[in-house]
């Protein structure tokens, strides 16, 4: 039997999900079993950073540089996530 693993991300927290095939999405994290979803989601089309993805995770979107394309909720199997990066919740309000 395969054991189901959960992430360290907390329910409802803002996270950046790097998914297979190069999709990078930000949203409020939810998980039910092996199915994950992001509500209030947006595809990050352009990071606009000089210090990588962690820069916007910790500091929020960079005005005039980060491009977010709002989208409907995004669902994915947890195995499709390359990485989940927890965001500074205050920076993403």
N, C-alpha and C. Protein backbone atom coordinates (compact mmCIF):
# COMPACT_ATOMS: atom_id res chain seq x y z
N UNK A 1 0.85 -1.19 0.00
CA UNK A 1 0.00 0.00 0.00
C UNK A 1 0.89 1.25 0.00
N UNK A 2 0.55 2.21 -0.83
CA UNK A 2 1.30 3.46 -0.91
C UNK A 2 0.79 4.41 0.16
N UNK A 3 1.71 4.95 0.93
CA UNK A 3 1.35 5.88 1.99
C UNK A 3 1.10 7.26 1.40
N UNK A 4 0.03 7.91 1.83
CA UNK A 4 -0.27 9.27 1.39
C UNK A 4 0.50 10.24 2.26
N UNK A 5 1.24 11.13 1.61
CA UNK A 5 2.00 12.13 2.36
C UNK A 5 1.33 13.48 2.18
N UNK A 6 1.42 14.29 3.18
CA UNK A 6 0.89 15.64 3.10
C UNK A 6 2.04 16.63 3.07
N UNK A 7 1.74 17.85 2.72
CA UNK A 7 2.76 18.89 2.68
C UNK A 7 2.77 19.63 4.01
N UNK A 8 3.73 20.52 4.15
CA UNK A 8 3.80 21.35 5.34
C UNK A 8 2.92 22.60 5.19
N UNK A 9 2.46 22.86 3.98
CA UNK A 9 1.60 24.02 3.76
C UNK A 9 0.31 23.85 4.57
N UNK A 10 -0.14 24.94 5.15
CA UNK A 10 -1.35 24.92 5.96
C UNK A 10 -2.57 25.27 5.11
N UNK A 11 -3.68 24.68 5.46
CA UNK A 11 -4.95 24.92 4.78
C UNK A 11 -5.25 26.41 4.72
N UNK A 12 -5.50 26.91 3.51
CA UNK A 12 -5.89 28.31 3.32
C UNK A 12 -4.73 29.28 3.18
N UNK A 13 -3.50 28.83 3.42
CA UNK A 13 -2.35 29.73 3.28
C UNK A 13 -2.04 29.98 1.80
N UNK A 14 -1.48 31.14 1.54
CA UNK A 14 -1.03 31.48 0.19
C UNK A 14 0.26 30.73 -0.08
N UNK A 15 0.31 30.00 -1.20
CA UNK A 15 1.52 29.28 -1.61
C UNK A 15 1.76 29.49 -3.09
N UNK A 16 3.00 29.34 -3.48
CA UNK A 16 3.36 29.29 -4.89
C UNK A 16 3.61 27.83 -5.21
N UNK A 17 2.90 27.31 -6.21
CA UNK A 17 3.06 25.92 -6.63
C UNK A 17 3.78 25.88 -7.97
N UNK A 18 4.90 25.20 -8.00
CA UNK A 18 5.58 24.94 -9.26
C UNK A 18 5.12 23.55 -9.68
N UNK A 19 4.41 23.51 -10.80
CA UNK A 19 3.80 22.26 -11.26
C UNK A 19 4.56 21.71 -12.47
N UNK A 20 4.29 20.47 -12.80
CA UNK A 20 4.93 19.87 -13.97
C UNK A 20 4.61 20.68 -15.22
N UNK A 21 5.51 20.59 -16.18
CA UNK A 21 5.40 21.27 -17.47
C UNK A 21 5.55 22.79 -17.36
N UNK A 22 6.12 23.25 -16.25
CA UNK A 22 6.50 24.65 -16.15
C UNK A 22 5.45 25.61 -15.63
N UNK A 23 4.30 25.13 -15.21
CA UNK A 23 3.29 26.04 -14.67
C UNK A 23 3.68 26.50 -13.28
N UNK A 24 3.56 27.81 -13.04
CA UNK A 24 3.84 28.39 -11.73
C UNK A 24 2.58 29.17 -11.33
N UNK A 25 1.95 28.74 -10.24
CA UNK A 25 0.65 29.27 -9.85
C UNK A 25 0.70 29.66 -8.38
N UNK A 26 0.03 30.75 -8.03
CA UNK A 26 -0.08 31.18 -6.65
C UNK A 26 -1.56 31.15 -6.25
N UNK A 27 -1.83 30.80 -5.01
CA UNK A 27 -3.21 30.79 -4.54
C UNK A 27 -3.29 30.27 -3.12
N UNK A 28 -4.51 30.19 -2.61
CA UNK A 28 -4.75 29.68 -1.26
C UNK A 28 -4.84 28.15 -1.33
N UNK A 29 -3.99 27.50 -0.54
CA UNK A 29 -3.79 26.06 -0.61
C UNK A 29 -4.87 25.27 0.12
N UNK A 30 -5.33 24.19 -0.54
CA UNK A 30 -6.29 23.26 0.05
C UNK A 30 -5.86 21.85 -0.36
N UNK A 31 -6.06 20.87 0.52
CA UNK A 31 -5.73 19.49 0.18
C UNK A 31 -6.75 18.56 0.77
N UNK A 32 -7.18 17.61 -0.05
CA UNK A 32 -8.08 16.56 0.40
C UNK A 32 -7.52 15.25 -0.15
N UNK A 33 -6.93 14.46 0.72
CA UNK A 33 -6.26 13.25 0.26
C UNK A 33 -5.07 13.63 -0.63
N UNK A 34 -5.00 13.03 -1.80
CA UNK A 34 -3.91 13.33 -2.74
C UNK A 34 -4.24 14.48 -3.69
N UNK A 35 -5.46 15.02 -3.61
CA UNK A 35 -5.86 16.11 -4.50
C UNK A 35 -5.63 17.45 -3.82
N UNK A 36 -4.89 18.31 -4.49
CA UNK A 36 -4.61 19.65 -3.98
C UNK A 36 -5.32 20.66 -4.86
N UNK A 37 -5.62 21.81 -4.31
CA UNK A 37 -6.20 22.89 -5.11
C UNK A 37 -5.74 24.23 -4.58
N UNK A 38 -5.78 25.20 -5.46
CA UNK A 38 -5.47 26.59 -5.12
C UNK A 38 -6.68 27.43 -5.47
N UNK A 39 -7.28 28.07 -4.47
CA UNK A 39 -8.38 29.01 -4.72
C UNK A 39 -7.77 30.41 -4.80
N UNK A 40 -8.55 31.37 -5.27
CA UNK A 40 -8.03 32.73 -5.48
C UNK A 40 -6.72 32.66 -6.26
N UNK A 41 -6.71 31.84 -7.29
CA UNK A 41 -5.49 31.48 -8.01
C UNK A 41 -5.12 32.47 -9.11
N UNK A 42 -3.82 32.48 -9.42
CA UNK A 42 -3.30 33.26 -10.55
C UNK A 42 -2.05 32.55 -11.07
N UNK A 43 -1.94 32.49 -12.39
CA UNK A 43 -0.71 31.99 -13.00
C UNK A 43 0.31 33.13 -12.93
N UNK A 44 1.52 32.80 -12.50
CA UNK A 44 2.58 33.82 -12.46
C UNK A 44 3.26 33.79 -13.82
N UNK A 45 2.90 34.74 -14.68
CA UNK A 45 3.44 34.79 -16.03
C UNK A 45 4.84 35.38 -16.05
N UNK A 46 5.07 36.37 -15.20
CA UNK A 46 6.38 37.02 -15.14
C UNK A 46 6.70 37.29 -13.68
N UNK A 47 7.83 36.77 -13.22
CA UNK A 47 8.20 36.96 -11.82
C UNK A 47 8.59 38.40 -11.54
N UNK A 48 9.39 39.00 -12.41
CA UNK A 48 9.82 40.38 -12.22
C UNK A 48 10.80 40.54 -11.08
N UNK A 49 11.58 39.50 -10.80
CA UNK A 49 12.50 39.54 -9.67
C UNK A 49 13.96 39.61 -10.12
N UNK A 50 14.82 39.96 -9.17
CA UNK A 50 16.26 39.88 -9.40
C UNK A 50 16.87 38.77 -8.54
N UNK A 51 16.07 38.25 -7.59
CA UNK A 51 16.56 37.23 -6.66
C UNK A 51 15.76 35.94 -6.72
N UNK A 52 15.05 35.71 -7.81
CA UNK A 52 14.32 34.47 -8.00
C UNK A 52 12.93 34.46 -7.39
N UNK A 53 12.32 33.30 -7.48
CA UNK A 53 10.93 33.12 -7.05
C UNK A 53 10.75 33.37 -5.56
N UNK A 54 11.75 33.05 -4.76
CA UNK A 54 11.67 33.29 -3.32
C UNK A 54 11.47 34.76 -2.97
N UNK A 55 11.92 35.65 -3.85
CA UNK A 55 11.77 37.09 -3.61
C UNK A 55 10.30 37.48 -3.54
N UNK A 56 9.48 36.96 -4.45
CA UNK A 56 8.06 37.33 -4.39
C UNK A 56 7.31 36.49 -3.36
N UNK A 57 7.82 35.29 -3.05
CA UNK A 57 7.19 34.50 -1.98
C UNK A 57 7.30 35.23 -0.65
N UNK A 58 8.45 35.82 -0.40
CA UNK A 58 8.65 36.49 0.89
C UNK A 58 8.22 37.95 0.88
N UNK A 59 8.24 38.60 -0.27
CA UNK A 59 7.92 40.02 -0.32
C UNK A 59 6.64 40.37 -1.05
N UNK A 60 5.99 39.40 -1.65
CA UNK A 60 4.78 39.65 -2.42
C UNK A 60 5.12 40.10 -3.84
N UNK A 61 4.10 40.27 -4.67
CA UNK A 61 4.32 40.68 -6.05
C UNK A 61 5.03 42.03 -6.11
N UNK A 62 5.90 42.19 -7.08
CA UNK A 62 6.65 43.43 -7.25
C UNK A 62 5.85 44.34 -8.17
N UNK A 63 5.45 45.48 -7.66
CA UNK A 63 4.62 46.42 -8.41
C UNK A 63 5.28 46.79 -9.73
N UNK A 64 4.53 46.63 -10.81
CA UNK A 64 5.01 46.99 -12.14
C UNK A 64 5.93 45.97 -12.77
N UNK A 65 6.29 44.91 -12.03
CA UNK A 65 7.23 43.93 -12.58
C UNK A 65 6.65 42.51 -12.59
N UNK A 66 5.96 42.12 -11.52
CA UNK A 66 5.35 40.79 -11.45
C UNK A 66 4.03 40.83 -12.22
N UNK A 67 3.84 39.83 -13.09
CA UNK A 67 2.59 39.75 -13.86
C UNK A 67 1.83 38.50 -13.41
N UNK A 68 0.64 38.71 -12.83
CA UNK A 68 -0.23 37.64 -12.37
C UNK A 68 -1.47 37.59 -13.25
N UNK A 69 -1.78 36.43 -13.78
CA UNK A 69 -2.98 36.24 -14.59
C UNK A 69 -4.01 35.49 -13.76
N UNK A 70 -5.00 36.21 -13.20
CA UNK A 70 -6.03 35.54 -12.38
C UNK A 70 -6.71 34.43 -13.18
N UNK A 71 -7.05 33.36 -12.49
CA UNK A 71 -7.69 32.23 -13.14
C UNK A 71 -8.64 31.55 -12.16
N UNK A 72 -9.49 30.65 -12.68
CA UNK A 72 -10.35 29.87 -11.77
C UNK A 72 -9.48 29.00 -10.86
N UNK A 73 -10.09 28.39 -9.86
CA UNK A 73 -9.32 27.50 -8.98
C UNK A 73 -8.55 26.45 -9.79
N UNK A 74 -7.36 26.12 -9.30
CA UNK A 74 -6.48 25.15 -9.97
C UNK A 74 -6.41 23.90 -9.10
N UNK A 75 -6.65 22.74 -9.70
CA UNK A 75 -6.55 21.47 -8.99
C UNK A 75 -5.45 20.63 -9.60
N UNK A 76 -4.75 19.87 -8.74
CA UNK A 76 -3.68 19.01 -9.23
C UNK A 76 -3.45 17.88 -8.23
N UNK A 77 -2.98 16.77 -8.73
CA UNK A 77 -2.59 15.66 -7.87
C UNK A 77 -1.29 16.05 -7.21
N UNK A 78 -1.11 15.71 -5.94
CA UNK A 78 0.08 16.15 -5.22
C UNK A 78 1.38 15.69 -5.88
N UNK A 79 1.34 14.61 -6.65
CA UNK A 79 2.55 14.14 -7.34
C UNK A 79 2.91 15.03 -8.53
N UNK A 80 1.99 15.88 -8.96
CA UNK A 80 2.27 16.79 -10.07
C UNK A 80 2.99 18.05 -9.61
N UNK A 81 3.08 18.25 -8.30
CA UNK A 81 3.76 19.42 -7.76
C UNK A 81 5.26 19.14 -7.68
N UNK A 82 6.04 19.98 -8.33
CA UNK A 82 7.49 19.88 -8.23
C UNK A 82 7.90 20.45 -6.89
N UNK A 83 7.24 21.56 -6.50
CA UNK A 83 7.54 22.20 -5.22
C UNK A 83 6.39 23.11 -4.83
N UNK A 84 6.17 23.23 -3.52
CA UNK A 84 5.25 24.22 -2.96
C UNK A 84 6.09 25.16 -2.12
N UNK A 85 5.99 26.45 -2.40
CA UNK A 85 6.75 27.45 -1.65
C UNK A 85 5.76 28.27 -0.83
N UNK A 86 5.92 28.22 0.47
CA UNK A 86 5.03 28.98 1.34
C UNK A 86 5.34 30.47 1.21
N UNK A 87 4.30 31.28 1.14
CA UNK A 87 4.45 32.72 0.98
C UNK A 87 4.33 33.42 2.34
N UNK A 88 4.91 34.58 2.45
CA UNK A 88 4.67 35.43 3.60
C UNK A 88 3.22 35.90 3.49
N UNK A 89 2.40 35.47 4.43
CA UNK A 89 0.96 35.73 4.34
C UNK A 89 0.63 37.21 4.36
N UNK A 90 1.39 38.01 5.10
CA UNK A 90 1.13 39.45 5.15
C UNK A 90 1.50 40.14 3.85
N UNK A 91 2.52 39.65 3.17
CA UNK A 91 2.97 40.26 1.91
C UNK A 91 2.00 40.00 0.76
N UNK A 92 1.16 38.98 0.87
CA UNK A 92 0.25 38.59 -0.20
C UNK A 92 -1.20 38.94 0.12
N UNK A 93 -1.46 39.87 1.00
CA UNK A 93 -2.84 40.25 1.30
C UNK A 93 -3.39 41.16 0.26
